[in-house]
Every structure is written in structure tokens, then in C-alpha cells.
Amino acid sequence: MKILLVSDSHGDDETLKKIANKHNDCDRYLHLGDSQSTPDLIRPFVSVRGNCDYYSSKYMPSLKLNSEYGKIYCEHIPYYQMNIPKLKKEGYKIYLCGHTHRREDDTIDGIRIINPGSIKYPRDGKAGYAIIEIDDKTVKCKFYDL
């Protein structure tokens, strides 16, 4: 399974479309919040609600997905530091988030934590996104600069 991850595009729908077109071979397109846009304008991305998403009734606060590797939990604000015990107990293997505008790829207590960074207003100097490739044994993450 190949998943394109973006976050914090803050209204830059054109860049989202360019990224999706460049990587049209992905199985899923996930936006991890703060699109500041409507679901129709960010399609093919499916999004969670970010703290700046004024169309909040159209987005869920979190997404729960299944993969060959294990369960995936997605939300905008990285609450994983508080939720690791609960996520682990519920069998989650991957946690995807945004909000910080910084790239992250780490493993904490057996749960892979990935933040693709920000499309707009990066705080680590690198506007971009990530693609993760998942099989039953591994999760590979690659970051891309814009």
C-alpha cells in the first residue's frame, strides 16, 4: 500500500493538485488537517479536521485505517505523547499527524509516528510532503521537498 501524506496546506489547493498528479500511483491520499478548504477542492485527498479548518462539519477529527502492517490512526494535532498507551492497547502500529509544520519519522513504544511537515509555512525550512509504503513487515517513509 502506498499512501501520499500532506498536511497544513492552508488554502494552497493548486499545490495539492500538482502533488497528487505527480504521484498518481498512490493507493490513498491523506491530508492531515489545516487544508482550510473544502473536501471537493482537495480531492483526491481525504482529510481530518485541523484547528484552522473552518469547514469543520465536513471533516472528522480522526481517521482509523487498516493496512497490511497494522492499524493506522490519523489526526491533526499530535496528541500521541498522551495517547501512546491507549493506541498501543487498541493495536495501532502507525500514527499519522500534522500541525507542527515539521517533518517527523520516529518510533515510540513500538508505534511508528509520521508527520509529513507542511505544504505552506514550514517551521523546519522544508515545505513538502511524504509518501509511505507499507507491506506486512515494513513501513518505509520518504520525504519530498516542494
C-alpha atoms as a PDB file:
ATOM      1  CA  MET A   1       0.000   0.000   0.000  1.00  0.00           C
ATOM      2  CA  LYS A   2       1.333   3.410  -0.995  1.00  0.00           C
ATOM      3  CA  ILE A   3      -0.025   6.476   0.835  1.00  0.00           C
ATOM      4  CA  LEU A   4       0.666  10.105  -0.040  1.00  0.00           C
ATOM      5  CA  LEU A   5       0.676  12.262   3.106  1.00  0.00           C
ATOM      6  CA  VAL A   6       0.265  16.036   3.217  1.00  0.00           C
ATOM      7  CA  SER A   7      -0.592  18.482   5.965  1.00  0.00           C
ATOM      8  CA  ASP A   8      -1.044  22.158   6.632  1.00  0.00           C
ATOM      9  CA  SER A   9      -1.618  23.343   3.074  1.00  0.00           C
ATOM     10  CA  HIS A  10      -3.564  26.382   4.367  1.00  0.00           C
ATOM     11  CA  GLY A  11      -5.581  27.029   1.204  1.00  0.00           C
ATOM     12  CA  ASP A  12      -2.921  26.101  -1.352  1.00  0.00           C
ATOM     13  CA  ASP A  13      -5.184  23.775  -3.355  1.00  0.00           C
ATOM     14  CA  GLU A  14      -3.111  24.208  -6.532  1.00  0.00           C
ATOM     15  CA  THR A  15      -0.032  22.686  -4.901  1.00  0.00           C
ATOM     16  CA  LEU A  16      -2.130  19.787  -3.585  1.00  0.00           C
ATOM     17  CA  LYS A  17      -3.354  19.038  -7.118  1.00  0.00           C
ATOM     18  CA  LYS A  18       0.196  19.197  -8.511  1.00  0.00           C
ATOM     19  CA  ILE A  19       1.446  16.777  -5.842  1.00  0.00           C
ATOM     20  CA  ALA A  20      -1.446  14.345  -6.450  1.00  0.00           C
ATOM     21  CA  ASN A  21      -0.874  14.466 -10.216  1.00  0.00           C
ATOM     22  CA  LYS A  22       2.862  13.884  -9.801  1.00  0.00           C
ATOM     23  CA  HIS A  23       2.186  10.801  -7.654  1.00  0.00           C
ATOM     24  CA  ASN A  24      -0.902   9.362  -9.346  1.00  0.00           C
ATOM     25  CA  ASP A  25       0.096   5.787  -8.492  1.00  0.00           C
ATOM     26  CA  CYS A  26      -0.742   6.026  -4.770  1.00  0.00           C
ATOM     27  CA  ASP A  27      -3.434   3.880  -3.197  1.00  0.00           C
ATOM     28  CA  ARG A  28      -4.537   6.575  -0.747  1.00  0.00           C
ATOM     29  CA  TYR A  29      -4.192  10.326  -0.438  1.00  0.00           C
ATOM     30  CA  LEU A  30      -4.351  11.609   3.146  1.00  0.00           C
ATOM     31  CA  HIS A  31      -4.440  15.214   4.281  1.00  0.00           C
ATOM     32  CA  LEU A  32      -3.623  15.517   7.964  1.00  0.00           C
ATOM     33  CA  GLY A  33      -5.502  18.756   8.568  1.00  0.00           C
ATOM     34  CA  ASP A  34      -5.459  22.504   8.084  1.00  0.00           C
ATOM     35  CA  SER A  35      -6.329  22.414   4.405  1.00  0.00           C
ATOM     36  CA  GLN A  36      -8.525  25.474   5.002  1.00  0.00           C
ATOM     37  CA  SER A  37     -10.515  24.266   2.027  1.00  0.00           C
ATOM     38  CA  THR A  38     -13.500  22.098   1.164  1.00  0.00           C
ATOM     39  CA  PRO A  39     -13.377  18.355   0.530  1.00  0.00           C
ATOM     40  CA  ASP A  40     -14.250  18.931  -3.141  1.00  0.00           C
ATOM     41  CA  LEU A  41     -11.315  21.279  -3.671  1.00  0.00           C
ATOM     42  CA  ILE A  42      -8.707  18.982  -2.105  1.00  0.00           C
ATOM     43  CA  ARG A  43      -9.869  15.766  -3.797  1.00  0.00           C
ATOM     44  CA  PRO A  44      -8.377  13.074  -4.140  1.00  0.00           C
ATOM     45  CA  PHE A  45      -7.181  13.770  -0.578  1.00  0.00           C
ATOM     46  CA  VAL A  46      -9.299  12.665   2.357  1.00  0.00           C
ATOM     47  CA  SER A  47      -8.712  14.895   5.361  1.00  0.00           C
ATOM     48  CA  VAL A  48      -9.029  15.042   9.115  1.00  0.00           C
ATOM     49  CA  ARG A  49     -10.118  18.295  10.736  1.00  0.00           C
ATOM     50  CA  GLY A  50      -7.356  20.722  11.610  1.00  0.00           C
ATOM     51  CA  ASN A  51      -7.524  23.587  14.064  1.00  0.00           C
ATOM     52  CA  CYS A  52      -7.770  26.043  11.125  1.00  0.00           C
ATOM     53  CA  ASP A  53     -10.384  24.106   9.138  1.00  0.00           C
ATOM     54  CA  TYR A  54     -13.458  26.285   9.082  1.00  0.00           C
ATOM     55  CA  TYR A  55     -15.391  23.590   7.214  1.00  0.00           C
ATOM     56  CA  SER A  56     -15.183  21.513  10.374  1.00  0.00           C
ATOM     57  CA  SER A  57     -18.519  19.782   9.889  1.00  0.00           C
ATOM     58  CA  LYS A  58     -17.189  18.229   6.681  1.00  0.00           C
ATOM     59  CA  TYR A  59     -14.101  16.681   8.287  1.00  0.00           C
ATOM     60  CA  MET A  60     -13.832  14.130  11.068  1.00  0.00           C
ATOM     61  CA  PRO A  61     -11.395  14.768  13.944  1.00  0.00           C
ATOM     62  CA  SER A  62      -9.625  11.468  13.243  1.00  0.00           C
ATOM     63  CA  LEU A  63      -9.420   8.619  10.753  1.00  0.00           C
ATOM     64  CA  LYS A  64      -8.800   4.962  11.552  1.00  0.00           C
ATOM     65  CA  LEU A  65      -7.447   2.812   8.737  1.00  0.00           C
ATOM     66  CA  ASN A  66      -6.210  -0.715   8.240  1.00  0.00           C
ATOM     67  CA  SER A  67      -3.089  -1.768   6.391  1.00  0.00           C
ATOM     68  CA  GLU A  68      -1.122  -4.939   5.807  1.00  0.00           C
ATOM     69  CA  TYR A  69       1.295  -3.825   8.552  1.00  0.00           C
ATOM     70  CA  GLY A  70      -1.410  -2.968  11.085  1.00  0.00           C
ATOM     71  CA  LYS A  71      -3.890  -0.350  12.208  1.00  0.00           C
ATOM     72  CA  ILE A  72      -3.295   3.341  11.388  1.00  0.00           C
ATOM     73  CA  TYR A  73      -4.560   6.285  13.449  1.00  0.00           C
ATOM     74  CA  CYS A  74      -4.674   9.772  11.871  1.00  0.00           C
ATOM     75  CA  GLU A  75      -5.351  13.145  13.492  1.00  0.00           C
ATOM     76  CA  HIS A  76      -4.140  16.703  13.073  1.00  0.00           C
ATOM     77  CA  ILE A  77      -2.692  17.744  16.422  1.00  0.00           C
ATOM     78  CA  PRO A  78      -0.038  15.285  17.618  1.00  0.00           C
ATOM     79  CA  TYR A  79      -1.572  14.051  20.824  1.00  0.00           C
ATOM     80  CA  TYR A  80       0.377  10.799  20.563  1.00  0.00           C
ATOM     81  CA  GLN A  81       2.546  11.598  23.574  1.00  0.00           C
ATOM     82  CA  MET A  82      -0.565  11.393  25.756  1.00  0.00           C
ATOM     83  CA  ASN A  83      -2.248   8.621  23.758  1.00  0.00           C
ATOM     84  CA  ILE A  84       0.561   6.081  23.199  1.00  0.00           C
ATOM     85  CA  PRO A  85      -0.671   3.670  25.916  1.00  0.00           C
ATOM     86  CA  LYS A  86      -4.244   3.775  24.578  1.00  0.00           C
ATOM     87  CA  LEU A  87      -3.147   3.450  20.941  1.00  0.00           C
ATOM     88  CA  LYS A  88      -0.887   0.534  21.814  1.00  0.00           C
ATOM     89  CA  LYS A  89      -3.652  -1.192  23.791  1.00  0.00           C
ATOM     90  CA  GLU A  90      -6.005  -0.786  20.806  1.00  0.00           C
ATOM     91  CA  GLY A  91      -3.420  -2.331  18.474  1.00  0.00           C
ATOM     92  CA  TYR A  92      -2.340   0.692  16.432  1.00  0.00           C
ATOM     93  CA  LYS A  93       1.026   0.359  14.683  1.00  0.00           C
ATOM     94  CA  ILE A  94       1.175   3.688  12.814  1.00  0.00           C
ATOM     95  CA  TYR A  95       0.237   7.198  13.949  1.00  0.00           C
ATOM     96  CA  LEU A  96      -0.037   9.991  11.356  1.00  0.00           C
ATOM     97  CA  CYS A  97      -0.351  13.658  12.308  1.00  0.00           C
ATOM     98  CA  GLY A  98       0.310  17.230  11.184  1.00  0.00           C
ATOM     99  CA  HIS A  99       0.043  20.615  12.949  1.00  0.00           C
ATOM    100  CA  THR A 100       3.672  21.211  13.913  1.00  0.00           C
ATOM    101  CA  HIS A 101       4.770  22.171  10.360  1.00  0.00           C
ATOM    102  CA  ARG A 102       7.836  19.972  10.959  1.00  0.00           C
ATOM    103  CA  ARG A 103       8.723  16.614   9.461  1.00  0.00           C
ATOM    104  CA  GLU A 104       8.901  13.704  11.832  1.00  0.00           C
ATOM    105  CA  ASP A 105       9.587   9.997  11.471  1.00  0.00           C
ATOM    106  CA  ASP A 106      10.088   8.220  14.759  1.00  0.00           C
ATOM    107  CA  THR A 107       9.065   5.119  16.658  1.00  0.00           C
ATOM    108  CA  ILE A 108       7.800   5.420  20.211  1.00  0.00           C
ATOM    109  CA  ASP A 109       6.967   2.324  22.224  1.00  0.00           C
ATOM    110  CA  GLY A 110       6.522   0.288  19.044  1.00  0.00           C
ATOM    111  CA  ILE A 111       4.271   2.786  17.256  1.00  0.00           C
ATOM    112  CA  ARG A 112       5.601   4.485  14.115  1.00  0.00           C
ATOM    113  CA  ILE A 113       4.976   8.247  14.263  1.00  0.00           C
ATOM    114  CA  ILE A 114       4.999  10.152  10.952  1.00  0.00           C
ATOM    115  CA  ASN A 115       4.338  13.830  10.272  1.00  0.00           C
ATOM    116  CA  PRO A 116       4.833  14.906   6.632  1.00  0.00           C
ATOM    117  CA  GLY A 117       5.600  18.507   7.588  1.00  0.00           C
ATOM    118  CA  SER A 118       3.854  21.410   5.914  1.00  0.00           C
ATOM    119  CA  ILE A 119       2.968  22.359   2.354  1.00  0.00           C
ATOM    120  CA  LYS A 120       2.832  26.013   3.422  1.00  0.00           C
ATOM    121  CA  TYR A 121       4.662  27.834   6.230  1.00  0.00           C
ATOM    122  CA  PRO A 122       7.159  25.100   7.158  1.00  0.00           C
ATOM    123  CA  ARG A 123       8.853  25.569  10.515  1.00  0.00           C
ATOM    124  CA  ASP A 124      11.799  23.358   9.629  1.00  0.00           C
ATOM    125  CA  GLY A 125      12.682  25.229   6.438  1.00  0.00           C
ATOM    126  CA  LYS A 126      11.447  22.454   4.129  1.00  0.00           C
ATOM    127  CA  ALA A 127       7.993  22.781   2.580  1.00  0.00           C
ATOM    128  CA  GLY A 128       6.957  19.338   1.426  1.00  0.00           C
ATOM    129  CA  TYR A 129       5.110  16.088   1.953  1.00  0.00           C
ATOM    130  CA  ALA A 130       5.750  12.374   2.435  1.00  0.00           C
ATOM    131  CA  ILE A 131       4.947   9.034   0.869  1.00  0.00           C
ATOM    132  CA  ILE A 132       4.793   5.914   2.973  1.00  0.00           C
ATOM    133  CA  GLU A 133       4.921   2.422   1.526  1.00  0.00           C
ATOM    134  CA  ILE A 134       3.504  -0.315   3.701  1.00  0.00           C
ATOM    135  CA  ASP A 135       3.636  -4.082   3.442  1.00  0.00           C
ATOM    136  CA  ASP A 136       3.030  -6.741   6.060  1.00  0.00           C
ATOM    137  CA  LYS A 137       6.521  -6.357   7.576  1.00  0.00           C
ATOM    138  CA  THR A 138       7.726  -2.803   6.937  1.00  0.00           C
ATOM    139  CA  VAL A 139       6.790   0.860   6.723  1.00  0.00           C
ATOM    140  CA  LYS A 140       9.051   2.971   4.509  1.00  0.00           C
ATOM    141  CA  CYS A 141       8.776   6.750   4.655  1.00  0.00           C
ATOM    142  CA  LYS A 142      10.238   9.166   2.122  1.00  0.00           C
ATOM    143  CA  PHE A 143      10.028  12.937   2.417  1.00  0.00           C
ATOM    144  CA  TYR A 144       9.776  15.172  -0.647  1.00  0.00           C
ATOM    145  CA  ASP A 145      10.642  18.866  -0.925  1.00  0.00           C
ATOM    146  CA  LEU A 146       8.488  21.247  -2.931  1.00  0.00           C
END
